Amino acid sequence: MSRIATYLLVGALRRRVEAAGGQAMVLARGEAMGGGVLVLLLDRGDRPRFVEPGLGSDGKRAMIATGPAECDSQGADSYWRRRRQYDPDLWVIEIDVPDGERFAAETILPG
């Protein structure tokens, strides 16, 4: 099975969120073809939290909660910047749309 380039997945996520009336912004560009993706979810600009692709408890690919359990925008910014120091190939995209985790899962995870 061939893998879809990361830049295409991130672009598709951004377009889907914006088409649904939400906002999406690429905070950091990673390796175009195979970089990982870290998604910063917001709820009307508040309550930042992170998800990224990983293995769920059932062993299947899922969007997994990561990062600080609770933080403000400054804490969220610090978290993803630290992650980028260790993984410069990592893409970071911020989305602000109701049910953002669903958008991320449907777009980023293989179907």
C-alpha atoms as a PDB file:
ATOM      1  CA  MET A   1       0.000   0.000   0.000  1.00  0.00           C
ATOM      2  CA  SER A   2       1.459   3.377  -0.960  1.00  0.00           C
ATOM      3  CA  ARG A   3       1.409   6.190   1.538  1.00  0.00           C
ATOM      4  CA  ILE A   4      -0.072   9.602   0.758  1.00  0.00           C
ATOM      5  CA  ALA A   5       2.404  12.459   1.088  1.00  0.00           C
ATOM      6  CA  THR A   6       2.062  14.359   4.353  1.00  0.00           C
ATOM      7  CA  TYR A   7       1.770  17.751   2.687  1.00  0.00           C
ATOM      8  CA  LEU A   8      -1.293  16.488   0.783  1.00  0.00           C
ATOM      9  CA  LEU A   9      -2.950  15.203   3.975  1.00  0.00           C
ATOM     10  CA  VAL A  10      -2.300  18.468   5.816  1.00  0.00           C
ATOM     11  CA  GLY A  11      -3.644  20.488   2.877  1.00  0.00           C
ATOM     12  CA  ALA A  12      -6.760  18.324   2.686  1.00  0.00           C
ATOM     13  CA  LEU A  13      -7.373  18.712   6.423  1.00  0.00           C
ATOM     14  CA  ARG A  14      -7.007  22.469   6.168  1.00  0.00           C
ATOM     15  CA  ARG A  15      -9.448  22.689   3.248  1.00  0.00           C
ATOM     16  CA  ARG A  16     -12.030  20.423   4.928  1.00  0.00           C
ATOM     17  CA  VAL A  17     -11.957  22.432   8.150  1.00  0.00           C
ATOM     18  CA  GLU A  18     -12.309  25.732   6.298  1.00  0.00           C
ATOM     19  CA  ALA A  19     -15.134  24.345   4.131  1.00  0.00           C
ATOM     20  CA  ALA A  20     -16.988  23.454   7.346  1.00  0.00           C
ATOM     21  CA  GLY A  21     -16.681  27.052   8.568  1.00  0.00           C
ATOM     22  CA  GLY A  22     -13.715  26.445  10.873  1.00  0.00           C
ATOM     23  CA  GLN A  23     -10.216  27.817  10.862  1.00  0.00           C
ATOM     24  CA  ALA A  24      -7.009  25.945  10.119  1.00  0.00           C
ATOM     25  CA  MET A  25      -3.419  27.089  10.113  1.00  0.00           C
ATOM     26  CA  VAL A  26      -0.164  25.271   9.510  1.00  0.00           C
ATOM     27  CA  LEU A  27       2.057  26.274  12.436  1.00  0.00           C
ATOM     28  CA  ALA A  28       5.108  24.327  11.246  1.00  0.00           C
ATOM     29  CA  ARG A  29       5.928  22.542   8.004  1.00  0.00           C
ATOM     30  CA  GLY A  30       7.711  19.251   8.279  1.00  0.00           C
ATOM     31  CA  GLU A  31       9.109  16.787   5.766  1.00  0.00           C
ATOM     32  CA  ALA A  32       6.795  16.947   2.745  1.00  0.00           C
ATOM     33  CA  MET A  33       6.556  13.261   1.944  1.00  0.00           C
ATOM     34  CA  GLY A  34       6.723  11.429   5.253  1.00  0.00           C
ATOM     35  CA  GLY A  35       6.745  13.765   8.234  1.00  0.00           C
ATOM     36  CA  GLY A  36       4.509  13.074  11.198  1.00  0.00           C
ATOM     37  CA  VAL A  37       1.470  15.220  11.979  1.00  0.00           C
ATOM     38  CA  LEU A  38       0.605  16.839  15.310  1.00  0.00           C
ATOM     39  CA  VAL A  39      -2.849  18.445  15.425  1.00  0.00           C
ATOM     40  CA  LEU A  40      -3.640  21.233  17.859  1.00  0.00           C
ATOM     41  CA  LEU A  41      -7.395  21.228  18.474  1.00  0.00           C
ATOM     42  CA  LEU A  42      -9.119  24.384  19.662  1.00  0.00           C
ATOM     43  CA  ASP A  43     -12.695  25.073  20.690  1.00  0.00           C
ATOM     44  CA  ARG A  44     -13.476  28.654  19.601  1.00  0.00           C
ATOM     45  CA  GLY A  45      -9.883  29.611  20.264  1.00  0.00           C
ATOM     46  CA  ASP A  46      -9.890  28.052  23.732  1.00  0.00           C
ATOM     47  CA  ARG A  47      -9.009  24.791  25.503  1.00  0.00           C
ATOM     48  CA  PRO A  48      -6.044  23.668  23.397  1.00  0.00           C
ATOM     49  CA  ARG A  49      -5.317  19.960  23.212  1.00  0.00           C
ATOM     50  CA  PHE A  50      -3.262  17.766  20.928  1.00  0.00           C
ATOM     51  CA  VAL A  51      -3.854  14.579  18.953  1.00  0.00           C
ATOM     52  CA  GLU A  52      -1.641  12.631  16.577  1.00  0.00           C
ATOM     53  CA  PRO A  53      -1.869   9.357  14.665  1.00  0.00           C
ATOM     54  CA  GLY A  54      -0.955   6.291  16.686  1.00  0.00           C
ATOM     55  CA  LEU A  55      -2.265   2.913  17.774  1.00  0.00           C
ATOM     56  CA  GLY A  56      -5.470   2.822  19.790  1.00  0.00           C
ATOM     57  CA  SER A  57      -6.223   0.393  22.600  1.00  0.00           C
ATOM     58  CA  ASP A  58      -7.697  -2.006  20.014  1.00  0.00           C
ATOM     59  CA  GLY A  59      -4.432  -2.049  18.050  1.00  0.00           C
ATOM     60  CA  LYS A  60      -5.894  -0.077  15.132  1.00  0.00           C
ATOM     61  CA  ARG A  61      -4.692   3.310  13.893  1.00  0.00           C
ATOM     62  CA  ALA A  62      -6.432   6.168  15.698  1.00  0.00           C
ATOM     63  CA  MET A  63      -5.928   9.771  16.698  1.00  0.00           C
ATOM     64  CA  ILE A  64      -4.282   9.572  20.126  1.00  0.00           C
ATOM     65  CA  ALA A  65      -4.378  12.328  22.739  1.00  0.00           C
ATOM     66  CA  THR A  66      -0.889  13.607  23.441  1.00  0.00           C
ATOM     67  CA  GLY A  67       0.767  16.535  25.167  1.00  0.00           C
ATOM     68  CA  PRO A  68      -0.285  18.279  28.356  1.00  0.00           C
ATOM     69  CA  ALA A  69      -3.697  17.292  29.743  1.00  0.00           C
ATOM     70  CA  GLU A  70      -4.571  20.936  30.330  1.00  0.00           C
ATOM     71  CA  CYS A  71      -2.748  24.010  29.142  1.00  0.00           C
ATOM     72  CA  ASP A  72      -3.264  27.527  27.913  1.00  0.00           C
ATOM     73  CA  SER A  73      -2.191  28.874  24.526  1.00  0.00           C
ATOM     74  CA  GLN A  74       1.328  29.614  25.816  1.00  0.00           C
ATOM     75  CA  GLY A  75       1.682  26.050  27.152  1.00  0.00           C
ATOM     76  CA  ALA A  76       0.422  24.634  23.858  1.00  0.00           C
ATOM     77  CA  ASP A  77       2.915  26.749  21.935  1.00  0.00           C
ATOM     78  CA  SER A  78       5.769  25.592  24.169  1.00  0.00           C
ATOM     79  CA  TYR A  79       4.760  21.941  23.771  1.00  0.00           C
ATOM     80  CA  TRP A  80       4.718  21.827  19.987  1.00  0.00           C
ATOM     81  CA  ARG A  81       7.932  23.864  19.719  1.00  0.00           C
ATOM     82  CA  ARG A  82       9.708  21.378  22.020  1.00  0.00           C
ATOM     83  CA  ARG A  83       8.422  18.498  19.890  1.00  0.00           C
ATOM     84  CA  ARG A  84       9.803  20.187  16.765  1.00  0.00           C
ATOM     85  CA  GLN A  85      13.234  20.513  18.389  1.00  0.00           C
ATOM     86  CA  TYR A  86      13.393  16.705  18.600  1.00  0.00           C
ATOM     87  CA  ASP A  87      11.542  16.022  15.346  1.00  0.00           C
ATOM     88  CA  PRO A  88      12.109  18.734  12.714  1.00  0.00           C
ATOM     89  CA  ASP A  89      10.169  16.598  10.189  1.00  0.00           C
ATOM     90  CA  LEU A  90       6.968  17.058  12.243  1.00  0.00           C
ATOM     91  CA  TRP A  91       4.068  19.032  10.788  1.00  0.00           C
ATOM     92  CA  VAL A  92       1.968  21.018  13.262  1.00  0.00           C
ATOM     93  CA  ILE A  93      -1.514  22.133  12.240  1.00  0.00           C
ATOM     94  CA  GLU A  94      -3.951  24.067  14.392  1.00  0.00           C
ATOM     95  CA  ILE A  95      -7.655  23.563  13.730  1.00  0.00           C
ATOM     96  CA  ASP A  96     -10.595  25.329  15.323  1.00  0.00           C
ATOM     97  CA  VAL A  97     -13.822  23.624  14.320  1.00  0.00           C
ATOM     98  CA  PRO A  98     -16.496  21.669  16.201  1.00  0.00           C
ATOM     99  CA  ASP A  99     -15.588  17.965  16.343  1.00  0.00           C
ATOM    100  CA  GLY A 100     -12.047  18.691  15.150  1.00  0.00           C
ATOM    101  CA  GLU A 101     -10.777  15.281  16.221  1.00  0.00           C
ATOM    102  CA  ARG A 102     -13.205  13.644  13.783  1.00  0.00           C
ATOM    103  CA  PHE A 103     -11.967  15.865  10.938  1.00  0.00           C
ATOM    104  CA  ALA A 104      -8.378  14.950  11.758  1.00  0.00           C
ATOM    105  CA  ALA A 105      -9.104  11.218  11.958  1.00  0.00           C
ATOM    106  CA  GLU A 106     -11.113  11.119   8.727  1.00  0.00           C
ATOM    107  CA  THR A 107      -8.457  13.018   6.812  1.00  0.00           C
ATOM    108  CA  ILE A 108      -5.153  11.787   8.228  1.00  0.00           C
ATOM    109  CA  LEU A 109      -5.806   8.131   9.046  1.00  0.00           C
ATOM    110  CA  PRO A 110      -5.917   5.535   6.270  1.00  0.00           C
ATOM    111  CA  GLY A 111      -9.433   4.635   5.205  1.00  0.00           C
END
